[in-house]
N, C-alpha and C. Protein backbone atom coordinates (compact mmCIF):
# COMPACT_ATOMS: atom_id res chain seq x y z
N MET A 1 26.21 190.73 350.24
CA MET A 1 25.95 189.96 349.58
C MET A 1 26.30 188.72 349.73
N LYS A 2 25.80 187.52 348.98
CA LYS A 2 26.60 186.30 348.93
C LYS A 2 26.26 185.44 347.50
N ILE A 3 27.28 185.03 347.30
CA ILE A 3 26.83 183.93 345.53
C ILE A 3 27.48 182.70 345.79
N GLN A 4 26.17 181.96 345.42
CA GLN A 4 26.82 180.52 345.56
C GLN A 4 27.93 179.79 344.88
N GLU A 5 28.10 178.86 345.21
CA GLU A 5 29.40 178.50 344.45
C GLU A 5 28.76 177.89 343.03
N GLN A 6 27.93 177.80 343.16
CA GLN A 6 27.79 176.64 341.75
C GLN A 6 27.56 178.07 340.37
N VAL A 7 27.20 179.31 341.39
CA VAL A 7 26.90 180.45 340.49
C VAL A 7 28.38 180.95 339.62
N LEU A 8 29.42 181.04 340.66
CA LEU A 8 30.82 181.27 340.35
C LEU A 8 31.09 180.52 339.36
N LYS A 9 30.93 179.07 339.93
CA LYS A 9 31.37 177.96 338.65
C LYS A 9 30.82 178.04 337.31
N LYS A 10 29.64 178.34 337.10
CA LYS A 10 29.23 178.62 335.88
C LYS A 10 29.98 179.67 335.14
N ILE A 11 29.90 180.99 336.09
CA ILE A 11 30.31 182.25 334.93
C ILE A 11 32.13 182.00 334.72
N GLY A 12 32.52 181.02 335.64
CA GLY A 12 34.17 180.66 335.22
C GLY A 12 34.27 180.06 334.50
N GLY A 13 33.80 179.21 334.38
CA GLY A 13 33.55 177.86 333.34
C GLY A 13 33.52 178.48 331.73
N TYR A 14 32.35 179.73 331.86
CA TYR A 14 32.24 180.21 330.83
C TYR A 14 33.47 180.87 330.01
N ILE A 15 33.81 181.81 331.08
CA ILE A 15 34.82 182.47 330.39
C ILE A 15 36.46 181.37 330.33
N THR A 16 36.69 180.61 331.19
CA THR A 16 37.73 179.77 330.36
C THR A 16 37.28 178.82 329.15
N ASN A 17 36.03 178.68 329.06
CA ASN A 17 35.89 177.70 327.87
C ASN A 17 35.65 178.71 326.69
N LYS A 18 35.37 179.64 326.69
CA LYS A 18 35.53 180.76 325.59
C LYS A 18 36.59 181.75 325.46
N ILE A 19 37.35 181.66 326.16
CA ILE A 19 39.09 182.42 326.33
C ILE A 19 39.81 181.54 326.70
N PRO A 20 40.35 180.51 326.59
CA PRO A 20 40.75 179.35 327.26
C PRO A 20 42.37 180.03 327.55
N HIS A 21 42.72 181.13 326.43
CA HIS A 21 44.00 181.34 326.26
C HIS A 21 44.27 183.04 327.12
N GLY A 22 42.89 183.32 327.71
CA GLY A 22 43.08 184.29 328.33
C GLY A 22 42.41 185.48 327.56
N GLY A 23 42.65 186.48 328.33
CA GLY A 23 41.49 188.06 327.81
C GLY A 23 41.22 188.76 329.23
N VAL A 24 40.37 189.45 328.20
CA VAL A 24 39.80 190.73 328.76
C VAL A 24 38.31 190.48 329.15
N ILE A 25 37.70 190.85 330.27
CA ILE A 25 36.40 190.41 330.72
C ILE A 25 36.02 191.92 331.34
N CYS A 26 35.01 192.39 331.00
CA CYS A 26 34.59 193.43 331.33
C CYS A 26 33.12 193.20 332.45
N ILE A 27 33.07 193.53 333.69
CA ILE A 27 31.94 193.74 334.77
C ILE A 27 31.29 195.13 334.41
N THR A 28 30.04 195.24 334.18
CA THR A 28 29.51 196.55 334.14
C THR A 28 28.02 196.16 334.11
N GLY A 29 27.54 197.46 334.68
CA GLY A 29 25.73 197.95 334.48
C GLY A 29 25.50 198.62 335.69
N GLN A 30 24.56 198.16 335.88
CA GLN A 30 23.86 199.19 337.03
C GLN A 30 24.57 199.21 338.66
N GLY A 31 24.58 200.51 338.97
CA GLY A 31 25.25 201.05 339.91
C GLY A 31 24.59 200.65 341.05
N THR A 32 25.45 200.06 341.57
CA THR A 32 25.83 199.09 343.21
C THR A 32 25.13 198.18 342.79
N ALA A 33 25.20 197.22 342.11
CA ALA A 33 24.62 195.88 341.54
C ALA A 33 25.78 195.01 342.10
N GLY A 34 26.95 195.69 342.39
CA GLY A 34 27.90 194.56 342.79
C GLY A 34 29.32 194.18 342.29
N LYS A 35 29.34 195.48 341.08
CA LYS A 35 30.25 194.95 340.12
C LYS A 35 31.84 194.59 340.51
N THR A 36 32.64 195.82 341.45
CA THR A 36 33.52 195.63 342.30
C THR A 36 33.62 194.09 343.20
N TRP A 37 32.41 194.12 343.88
CA TRP A 37 32.29 192.77 344.32
C TRP A 37 32.43 191.33 343.85
N LEU A 38 31.74 191.67 342.44
CA LEU A 38 31.65 190.28 341.66
C LEU A 38 33.21 189.87 341.00
N ALA A 39 33.83 191.02 340.88
CA ALA A 39 35.32 190.96 339.95
C ALA A 39 36.17 190.45 341.40
N LYS A 40 35.90 190.78 342.64
CA LYS A 40 36.91 190.41 343.46
C LYS A 40 36.86 188.39 343.78
N LYS A 41 35.43 188.33 343.63
CA LYS A 41 35.10 186.88 344.07
C LYS A 41 35.41 186.02 342.72
N LEU A 42 35.27 186.77 341.37
CA LEU A 42 35.77 185.87 340.31
C LEU A 42 37.11 185.50 339.99
N ALA A 43 38.08 186.73 340.53
CA ALA A 43 39.13 186.49 340.33
C ALA A 43 40.19 185.80 341.69
N SER A 44 39.41 185.51 343.02
CA SER A 44 39.88 184.63 343.69
C SER A 44 39.20 183.16 343.30
N HIS A 45 37.81 182.97 342.77
CA HIS A 45 37.75 181.68 342.06
C HIS A 45 38.55 180.98 341.14
N LEU A 46 39.11 181.85 340.08
CA LEU A 46 39.72 181.50 339.01
C LEU A 46 40.78 181.79 339.30
N GLY A 47 41.51 182.38 340.42
CA GLY A 47 42.98 182.33 340.93
C GLY A 47 43.59 183.51 340.46
N THR A 48 44.16 184.35 341.79
CA THR A 48 44.68 185.59 341.08
C THR A 48 46.06 185.53 340.73
N GLU A 49 46.56 184.68 340.78
CA GLU A 49 47.88 184.24 340.07
C GLU A 49 47.87 184.55 338.08
N THR A 50 46.57 184.10 338.08
CA THR A 50 46.43 184.51 336.83
C THR A 50 45.39 185.32 336.10
N VAL A 51 44.74 185.90 337.01
CA VAL A 51 43.70 186.84 336.86
C VAL A 51 44.28 188.26 337.78
N GLY A 52 43.80 189.40 337.03
CA GLY A 52 43.78 190.42 337.88
C GLY A 52 42.83 191.45 337.70
N VAL A 53 42.66 192.45 338.40
CA VAL A 53 40.93 192.87 338.28
C VAL A 53 41.70 194.64 337.91
N TYR A 54 41.18 195.14 337.21
CA TYR A 54 41.28 196.61 336.99
C TYR A 54 40.06 197.63 337.34
N ALA A 55 40.43 198.52 338.35
CA ALA A 55 39.54 199.65 338.59
C ALA A 55 39.10 200.67 337.72
N PHE A 56 38.04 199.96 336.53
CA PHE A 56 38.22 201.35 335.43
C PHE A 56 37.20 202.73 336.35
N ASP A 57 36.29 202.50 336.97
CA ASP A 57 35.65 204.11 338.06
C ASP A 57 36.49 204.83 338.02
N ASN A 58 38.23 204.67 338.20
CA ASN A 58 39.09 205.83 338.56
C ASN A 58 39.48 206.18 337.02
N VAL A 59 39.00 206.29 336.42
CA VAL A 59 39.75 206.65 334.90
C VAL A 59 38.48 207.80 334.90
N PHE A 60 37.16 208.11 335.79
CA PHE A 60 36.49 209.31 335.79
C PHE A 60 37.16 210.49 335.68
N TYR A 61 36.40 211.76 335.05
CA TYR A 61 36.72 212.98 335.33
C TYR A 61 36.61 213.06 336.99
N PRO A 62 37.35 214.01 337.37
CA PRO A 62 37.28 214.22 339.12
C PRO A 62 35.74 214.85 339.54
N LEU A 63 35.32 214.40 340.35
CA LEU A 63 33.85 214.65 340.55
C LEU A 63 33.57 216.18 340.30
N HIS A 64 34.32 217.07 340.86
CA HIS A 64 33.74 218.27 340.47
C HIS A 64 33.98 219.21 339.78
N ILE A 65 34.61 218.62 338.52
CA ILE A 65 34.35 218.71 337.21
C ILE A 65 32.79 217.95 337.06
N ARG A 66 32.66 217.03 337.04
CA ARG A 66 31.38 216.51 336.46
C ARG A 66 30.03 217.29 337.13
N ARG A 67 30.43 217.21 338.03
CA ARG A 67 29.12 218.54 338.79
C ARG A 67 28.81 220.20 338.10
N LYS A 68 29.75 220.30 337.40
CA LYS A 68 30.03 221.61 336.91
C LYS A 68 29.72 221.52 335.78
N THR A 69 28.91 220.37 335.15
CA THR A 69 29.32 220.11 333.15
C THR A 69 28.04 219.20 333.24
N SER A 70 26.73 220.29 332.43
CA SER A 70 26.07 219.90 331.84
C SER A 70 25.75 219.12 330.76
N ASP A 71 24.71 217.65 330.43
CA ASP A 71 24.78 217.48 329.10
C ASP A 71 23.45 218.02 328.53
N ALA A 72 23.72 217.95 327.04
CA ALA A 72 22.41 218.55 325.98
C ALA A 72 21.36 219.04 326.43
N ALA A 73 20.67 218.24 327.91
CA ALA A 73 19.41 218.41 328.15
C ALA A 73 19.29 219.04 329.86
N GLY A 74 20.55 219.46 329.97
CA GLY A 74 20.85 220.52 330.87
C GLY A 74 20.86 219.45 332.12
N ASP A 75 21.32 218.63 332.25
CA ASP A 75 21.08 217.63 333.53
C ASP A 75 22.88 217.42 333.67
N LYS A 76 23.44 217.51 334.85
CA LYS A 76 24.65 217.26 335.32
C LYS A 76 25.20 215.91 335.07
N LEU A 77 26.46 215.87 334.94
CA LEU A 77 27.02 214.84 334.58
C LEU A 77 27.07 213.69 335.58
N THR A 78 26.53 211.97 335.28
CA THR A 78 26.64 211.64 336.53
C THR A 78 27.66 210.62 335.78
N GLY A 79 27.88 209.32 336.52
CA GLY A 79 29.31 208.51 336.24
C GLY A 79 28.83 207.77 334.79
N CYS A 80 27.05 207.66 334.82
CA CYS A 80 26.72 206.68 333.43
C CYS A 80 26.99 207.58 331.90
N HIS A 81 27.14 208.78 331.88
CA HIS A 81 27.34 209.49 330.94
C HIS A 81 28.89 208.99 330.11
N PRO A 82 28.60 209.02 328.75
CA PRO A 82 29.97 208.96 328.17
C PRO A 82 31.12 210.16 328.50
N PHE A 83 30.65 211.56 328.67
CA PHE A 83 31.51 212.44 328.81
C PHE A 83 31.95 212.37 330.32
N SER A 84 31.90 211.57 331.26
CA SER A 84 32.91 211.38 332.64
C SER A 84 33.78 210.44 332.19
N THR A 85 34.35 210.11 331.02
CA THR A 85 35.42 209.76 331.13
C THR A 85 36.14 210.18 329.95
N PRO A 86 37.13 210.71 330.09
CA PRO A 86 38.01 211.11 328.65
C PRO A 86 38.53 210.02 328.05
N GLU A 87 38.03 210.50 326.72
CA GLU A 87 37.86 209.11 325.40
C GLU A 87 39.57 208.24 325.64
N LYS A 88 40.37 209.83 325.44
CA LYS A 88 41.70 209.42 324.79
C LYS A 88 42.15 208.28 325.98
N ILE A 89 42.12 208.63 327.28
CA ILE A 89 42.51 207.63 328.57
C ILE A 89 42.15 206.63 328.43
N ALA A 90 40.58 206.22 328.55
CA ALA A 90 39.74 205.11 328.33
C ALA A 90 40.33 204.31 327.56
N ARG A 91 40.77 204.68 325.98
CA ARG A 91 40.85 203.90 324.71
C ARG A 91 42.22 203.07 325.24
N GLN A 92 43.06 204.29 325.75
CA GLN A 92 44.54 203.65 326.08
C GLN A 92 44.61 202.59 326.94
N VAL A 93 43.93 202.97 327.83
CA VAL A 93 43.88 201.97 328.85
C VAL A 93 43.57 200.46 328.32
N ILE A 94 42.44 200.20 327.86
CA ILE A 94 41.55 199.11 327.79
C ILE A 94 42.71 198.97 326.20
N SER A 95 42.91 199.18 325.32
CA SER A 95 44.10 199.09 324.49
C SER A 95 45.39 198.25 324.77
N ASN A 96 46.10 198.80 326.02
CA ASN A 96 47.19 198.70 326.83
C ASN A 96 47.34 197.33 327.04
N ILE A 97 45.92 197.07 327.78
CA ILE A 97 45.32 195.76 328.77
C ILE A 97 45.14 194.67 327.65
N LYS A 98 44.56 195.16 326.52
CA LYS A 98 44.38 193.95 325.36
C LYS A 98 45.35 193.61 324.99
N ASN A 99 46.58 194.33 324.38
CA ASN A 99 47.73 193.75 324.14
C ASN A 99 48.52 193.26 324.96
N LYS A 100 48.25 193.41 326.27
CA LYS A 100 49.12 192.64 327.54
C LYS A 100 50.52 193.63 327.88
N GLU A 101 49.99 194.90 327.73
CA GLU A 101 51.42 196.24 327.92
C GLU A 101 50.60 197.10 329.47
N PRO A 102 51.41 197.13 329.87
CA PRO A 102 50.94 197.97 331.16
C PRO A 102 50.18 199.14 331.10
N ALA A 103 48.84 198.93 331.88
CA ALA A 103 48.38 200.45 331.63
C ALA A 103 48.20 201.12 333.09
N ALA A 104 47.96 202.33 332.77
CA ALA A 104 48.29 203.53 333.87
C ALA A 104 47.14 203.34 334.76
N VAL A 105 47.65 203.49 335.94
CA VAL A 105 46.29 203.44 337.40
C VAL A 105 46.31 204.89 338.08
N TYR A 106 45.40 204.96 338.30
CA TYR A 106 45.20 206.00 338.62
C TYR A 106 44.30 206.27 340.22
N SER A 107 44.49 207.46 340.72
CA SER A 107 43.90 207.66 342.44
C SER A 107 42.48 207.13 342.14
N ASP A 108 41.79 206.75 343.47
CA ASP A 108 40.45 206.36 343.32
C ASP A 108 40.03 207.58 344.22
N ASP A 109 40.82 208.79 344.79
CA ASP A 109 40.10 209.50 345.78
C ASP A 109 39.17 210.71 345.00
N LEU A 110 37.54 210.55 345.52
CA LEU A 110 36.99 211.07 345.00
C LEU A 110 36.79 212.66 345.09
N LYS A 111 38.10 213.25 345.90
CA LYS A 111 38.06 214.72 345.80
C LYS A 111 39.41 215.22 345.11
N ARG A 112 39.68 214.21 344.53
CA ARG A 112 41.00 214.80 343.73
C ARG A 112 40.45 215.63 342.98
N THR A 113 41.18 217.10 342.11
CA THR A 113 40.93 217.75 341.42
C THR A 113 41.56 217.37 339.95
N VAL A 114 42.66 216.64 339.89
CA VAL A 114 43.22 216.37 338.64
C VAL A 114 43.35 214.80 338.50
N PHE A 115 43.49 214.53 337.53
CA PHE A 115 44.27 212.55 337.28
C PHE A 115 45.49 212.71 337.95
N HIS A 116 45.39 211.82 338.46
CA HIS A 116 46.77 211.35 338.87
C HIS A 116 47.06 210.12 339.25
N GLN A 117 48.31 209.74 338.59
CA GLN A 117 48.77 208.60 338.08
C GLN A 117 49.30 207.80 339.26
N THR A 118 48.57 206.90 339.80
CA THR A 118 49.48 205.78 341.31
C THR A 118 50.67 205.18 340.71
N GLY A 119 50.44 204.54 339.36
CA GLY A 119 51.10 202.93 339.53
C GLY A 119 51.10 202.51 337.89
N TRP A 120 51.12 201.43 338.06
CA TRP A 120 51.02 200.65 336.31
C TRP A 120 50.28 199.37 336.90
N TYR A 121 49.36 198.90 336.21
CA TYR A 121 48.64 197.55 336.07
C TYR A 121 49.39 196.69 334.90
N HIS A 122 50.05 195.62 335.56
CA HIS A 122 50.39 194.63 334.61
C HIS A 122 49.55 193.57 334.24
N PRO A 123 49.07 193.26 332.59
CA PRO A 123 47.94 192.36 332.93
C PRO A 123 48.89 191.15 332.92
N LYS A 124 47.69 190.23 333.33
CA LYS A 124 47.89 188.43 333.39
C LYS A 124 47.00 188.21 332.78
N LYS A 125 47.09 186.77 332.51
CA LYS A 125 46.48 185.89 331.68
C LYS A 125 45.23 186.58 331.22
N TYR A 126 44.45 186.90 332.46
CA TYR A 126 42.84 186.92 332.44
C TYR A 126 43.11 188.20 333.29
N THR A 127 42.07 189.60 332.46
CA THR A 127 42.20 190.97 333.41
C THR A 127 40.51 190.97 333.41
N ILE A 128 40.07 191.54 334.80
CA ILE A 128 38.60 191.93 334.74
C ILE A 128 38.65 193.11 334.69
N ILE A 129 38.04 194.07 333.86
CA ILE A 129 37.93 195.48 333.95
C ILE A 129 36.47 195.80 334.62
N ASP A 130 36.61 196.39 335.79
CA ASP A 130 35.10 196.65 336.77
C ASP A 130 34.99 198.36 336.66
N GLY A 131 33.84 198.37 335.86
CA GLY A 131 33.43 200.03 335.99
C GLY A 131 32.47 199.91 335.24
N LEU A 132 31.42 201.25 335.96
CA LEU A 132 29.91 201.14 335.05
C LEU A 132 30.27 201.82 333.65
N ALA A 133 31.41 202.70 333.78
CA ALA A 133 31.27 203.47 332.32
C ALA A 133 32.84 202.17 331.66
N ALA A 134 32.99 201.31 331.67
CA ALA A 134 33.99 200.91 331.20
C ALA A 134 33.56 200.39 329.50
N LEU A 135 32.66 200.37 328.80
CA LEU A 135 32.28 200.00 327.36
C LEU A 135 32.25 201.28 326.89
N HIS A 136 31.95 202.85 327.40
CA HIS A 136 32.21 203.80 326.52
C HIS A 136 33.38 203.80 325.55
N HIS A 137 32.93 204.95 324.52
CA HIS A 137 34.04 205.22 323.75
C HIS A 137 34.59 203.97 322.59
N GLY A 138 33.32 203.00 322.40
CA GLY A 138 33.64 202.24 321.28
C GLY A 138 34.61 201.33 321.96
N VAL A 139 35.31 201.25 323.22
CA VAL A 139 36.33 200.03 323.46
C VAL A 139 35.41 198.79 324.00
N TYR A 140 33.95 198.43 323.59
CA TYR A 140 33.29 197.33 323.84
C TYR A 140 33.86 196.34 323.01
N GLU A 141 34.37 196.77 321.76
CA GLU A 141 34.85 196.26 320.77
C GLU A 141 36.27 194.86 321.40
N MET A 142 36.87 195.69 322.38
CA MET A 142 38.02 195.12 322.60
C MET A 142 38.04 194.27 323.95
N MET A 143 36.59 193.66 324.33
CA MET A 143 36.05 192.83 325.45
C MET A 143 35.98 191.77 324.70
N ASP A 144 36.65 190.79 325.28
CA ASP A 144 36.19 189.14 324.79
C ASP A 144 35.06 188.40 326.04
N VAL A 145 34.65 189.47 327.22
CA VAL A 145 33.53 188.44 327.81
C VAL A 145 32.77 189.56 328.47
N ILE A 146 31.61 190.01 328.26
CA ILE A 146 31.06 191.35 328.98
C ILE A 146 29.85 190.38 329.71
N ILE A 147 29.88 191.02 331.37
CA ILE A 147 29.03 190.74 332.12
C ILE A 147 28.59 191.76 332.73
N PHE A 148 27.19 191.98 332.57
CA PHE A 148 25.89 193.13 332.66
C PHE A 148 25.36 192.96 334.45
N MET A 149 25.53 193.67 334.85
CA MET A 149 25.08 193.46 336.48
C MET A 149 23.85 194.38 336.26
N VAL A 150 22.43 193.86 337.46
CA VAL A 150 21.34 194.57 337.65
C VAL A 150 20.97 194.17 338.93
N CYS A 151 20.21 195.52 339.08
CA CYS A 151 19.03 194.97 340.47
C CYS A 151 17.83 196.14 340.30
N SER A 152 17.08 196.01 341.09
CA SER A 152 15.76 196.86 341.16
C SER A 152 16.13 198.16 341.36
N ASP A 153 15.59 199.40 340.90
CA ASP A 153 15.97 201.00 341.10
C ASP A 153 15.94 200.81 342.61
N ASP A 154 14.79 200.27 343.58
CA ASP A 154 14.85 200.90 344.88
C ASP A 154 15.92 200.24 345.60
N VAL A 155 15.97 198.81 345.21
CA VAL A 155 17.88 198.47 346.01
C VAL A 155 18.44 198.84 345.45
N GLU A 156 18.96 199.91 344.56
CA GLU A 156 20.01 200.12 343.93
C GLU A 156 20.07 201.76 344.70
N PHE A 157 19.11 202.21 345.21
CA PHE A 157 19.15 203.51 345.79
C PHE A 157 19.23 203.27 347.24
N GLN A 158 18.56 202.33 347.78
CA GLN A 158 18.95 202.02 348.82
C GLN A 158 20.51 201.64 349.27
N ARG A 159 21.23 201.00 348.50
CA ARG A 159 22.73 200.48 348.26
C ARG A 159 23.04 201.85 348.32
N ARG A 160 22.80 202.65 347.20
CA ARG A 160 23.81 203.92 347.36
C ARG A 160 23.60 204.63 348.17
N SER A 161 22.52 205.12 348.80
CA SER A 161 22.30 205.51 349.80
C SER A 161 23.65 205.30 351.26
N HIS A 162 23.40 204.15 351.51
CA HIS A 162 24.45 203.44 352.69
C HIS A 162 25.70 203.85 352.05
N ARG A 163 26.17 203.32 351.05
CA ARG A 163 27.51 203.34 350.54
C ARG A 163 27.93 204.94 350.33
N ASP A 164 27.34 205.87 349.66
CA ASP A 164 27.80 207.14 349.56
C ASP A 164 27.71 207.85 350.67
N ILE A 165 26.72 207.99 351.79
CA ILE A 165 26.76 208.55 352.61
C ILE A 165 27.83 208.02 353.81
N HIS A 166 28.02 206.73 353.84
CA HIS A 166 28.73 206.23 355.22
C HIS A 166 30.42 205.90 354.65
N GLU A 167 30.97 205.57 353.48
CA GLU A 167 31.82 205.62 352.68
C GLU A 167 32.33 206.47 352.08
N ARG A 168 31.46 207.19 351.50
CA ARG A 168 31.86 208.49 350.44
C ARG A 168 32.00 209.89 350.87
N LYS A 169 31.30 209.93 352.12
CA LYS A 169 30.33 211.07 353.04
C LYS A 169 29.90 212.18 351.80
N LEU A 170 29.30 211.77 351.27
CA LEU A 170 28.21 212.45 350.35
C LEU A 170 26.99 212.60 351.08
N SER A 171 26.44 213.89 350.84
CA SER A 171 24.89 214.04 351.59
C SER A 171 23.78 213.67 351.22
N GLN A 172 22.38 213.36 351.80
CA GLN A 172 21.74 212.68 351.24
C GLN A 172 20.94 213.67 350.52
N GLU A 173 21.02 215.11 350.59
CA GLU A 173 20.63 216.23 349.43
C GLU A 173 21.45 215.77 348.06
N ASP A 174 22.59 215.48 348.26
CA ASP A 174 23.43 215.22 346.59
C ASP A 174 22.50 213.92 346.14
N LEU A 175 22.67 213.27 346.82
CA LEU A 175 21.80 211.69 346.53
C LEU A 175 20.56 211.89 345.56
N GLU A 176 19.64 212.64 346.43
CA GLU A 176 18.16 212.78 345.77
C GLU A 176 18.61 213.72 344.83
N LYS A 177 19.44 214.57 344.68
CA LYS A 177 19.18 215.63 343.35
C LYS A 177 19.76 215.19 341.91
N MET A 178 20.47 214.08 342.43
CA MET A 178 21.09 213.51 341.30
C MET A 178 20.47 211.98 341.14
N ARG A 179 19.50 211.53 341.61
CA ARG A 179 19.00 210.49 341.46
C ARG A 179 17.89 210.29 339.81
N VAL A 180 17.59 211.58 339.81
CA VAL A 180 16.83 211.09 338.22
C VAL A 180 17.66 211.42 337.55
N PRO A 181 18.40 212.55 337.29
CA PRO A 181 19.72 212.37 335.91
C PRO A 181 20.33 211.33 335.98
N ARG A 182 20.89 210.81 337.31
CA ARG A 182 21.35 209.09 337.41
C ARG A 182 20.56 208.25 336.46
N ARG A 183 19.31 207.86 336.65
CA ARG A 183 18.26 207.09 336.51
C ARG A 183 18.43 207.26 334.65
N LYS A 184 18.05 208.64 334.23
CA LYS A 184 17.52 209.02 332.98
C LYS A 184 19.30 208.48 332.16
N GLN A 185 20.31 209.06 332.35
CA GLN A 185 21.52 208.55 331.85
C GLN A 185 21.86 207.04 331.98
N TYR A 186 21.58 206.39 332.86
CA TYR A 186 21.73 204.97 332.79
C TYR A 186 20.80 204.25 331.89
N GLU A 187 19.72 204.63 331.85
CA GLU A 187 18.94 203.85 330.70
C GLU A 187 19.31 204.46 329.03
N GLN A 188 19.82 205.72 328.91
CA GLN A 188 20.32 206.33 327.77
C GLN A 188 21.52 205.89 327.34
N TYR A 189 22.50 205.64 328.55
CA TYR A 189 24.01 205.20 327.71
C TYR A 189 24.59 203.90 328.37
N ILE A 190 23.82 203.24 329.56
CA ILE A 190 24.57 202.13 330.07
C ILE A 190 23.75 200.89 329.88
N LEU A 191 22.41 200.92 330.08
CA LEU A 191 21.55 199.71 329.86
C LEU A 191 21.54 199.29 328.07
N PRO A 192 21.61 200.30 327.33
CA PRO A 192 21.74 199.21 326.16
C PRO A 192 22.89 198.14 325.83
N TYR A 193 24.34 198.78 326.36
CA TYR A 193 25.14 197.60 326.60
C TYR A 193 24.49 195.96 327.17
N LYS A 194 23.41 195.96 327.81
CA LYS A 194 22.85 195.03 328.29
C LYS A 194 22.66 193.95 327.17
N LYS A 195 22.60 194.29 325.76
CA LYS A 195 22.03 193.54 324.53
C LYS A 195 23.35 192.84 324.34
N LEU A 196 24.42 193.32 324.38
CA LEU A 196 26.12 192.93 323.92
C LEU A 196 26.28 191.95 325.23
N ALA A 197 25.93 191.73 326.16
CA ALA A 197 26.48 190.89 327.46
C ALA A 197 26.01 189.54 327.26
N HIS A 198 27.42 188.78 327.36
CA HIS A 198 27.04 187.18 327.38
C HIS A 198 26.83 187.01 328.88
N ILE A 199 27.00 187.34 329.84
CA ILE A 199 26.29 186.88 330.94
C ILE A 199 25.63 188.08 331.74
N ILE A 200 24.35 187.52 332.63
CA ILE A 200 23.30 188.86 332.81
C ILE A 200 23.54 188.28 334.57
N VAL A 201 23.78 188.93 335.43
CA VAL A 201 23.69 188.55 336.65
C VAL A 201 22.70 189.88 337.89
N ASP A 202 21.87 189.09 338.25
CA ASP A 202 21.03 190.07 338.88
C ASP A 202 21.28 189.83 340.39
N THR A 203 21.26 190.90 341.30
CA THR A 203 21.71 190.70 342.81
C THR A 203 20.76 191.49 343.23
N THR A 204 19.46 191.55 343.05
CA THR A 204 18.17 192.47 343.70
C THR A 204 18.31 191.63 345.14
N ASN A 205 18.25 190.32 345.48
CA ASN A 205 18.40 189.41 346.41
C ASN A 205 19.50 189.33 346.53
N GLY A 206 20.12 190.16 347.55
CA GLY A 206 21.79 189.63 348.00
C GLY A 206 21.90 188.27 348.53
N GLU A 207 20.95 187.69 349.00
CA GLU A 207 21.24 186.32 349.72
C GLU A 207 21.10 185.34 348.31
N ASN A 208 20.83 185.72 347.01
CA ASN A 208 19.97 184.91 346.19
C ASN A 208 20.44 185.35 344.74
N ILE A 209 21.52 185.39 344.67
CA ILE A 209 22.01 185.95 343.43
C ILE A 209 21.52 185.00 342.18
N GLN A 210 20.99 185.52 340.96
CA GLN A 210 20.46 184.92 340.11
C GLN A 210 21.29 185.14 338.46
N LEU A 211 21.24 183.99 337.66
CA LEU A 211 22.23 184.44 336.85
C LEU A 211 20.90 184.00 335.19
N ILE A 212 21.12 185.67 334.63
CA ILE A 212 19.48 185.64 333.94
C ILE A 212 20.10 184.74 332.33
N ARG A 213 21.26 185.06 331.97
CA ARG A 213 22.15 184.66 331.16
C ARG A 213 23.37 184.28 331.20
N VAL A 214 23.79 182.99 330.52
CA VAL A 214 24.90 182.50 330.39
C VAL A 214 25.08 181.57 329.41
């Protein structure tokens, strides 16, 4: 994907005007819409000496646990579901970052069987928290700026298929099996956060990123 310089300037300008003394920015939204990509671009634009990025997706329960757990509707847990992340750890991480205290960093290995802490994140003036489930358990109240990312359903599945098969080594069968539960849980648990967003970014056309709200 490509992002125009003026788009980065608008987002960066909004952030520095709203929270000039620093704070916590959350980038969340639809799967494969480019949350991690935008977090890195924004950190580089604003300056990595004052901006850090925390990968919240590493706070997920291990994949094998989520695949064995069903919600009340009988669907397997996807990353959209609030139960996909432990509330105590999620709240502790965000609270520490908000208070400029070191926050535990966890392994990004999808095949891990337990939580494995790999180090500490030391908050900078601005911290960008990047993750699908980064607003669950009431932590949205601790965010100073919320950026919500969207793309079309077809584009999401195309990107997910490419990423999960080639990078995460998942099978096409696994992707097809989880497509309906993932969409259902996205609409139920993630999409409602869109109304809280200060900025909405549409990446359906990866060559022409659109700002829907800023």
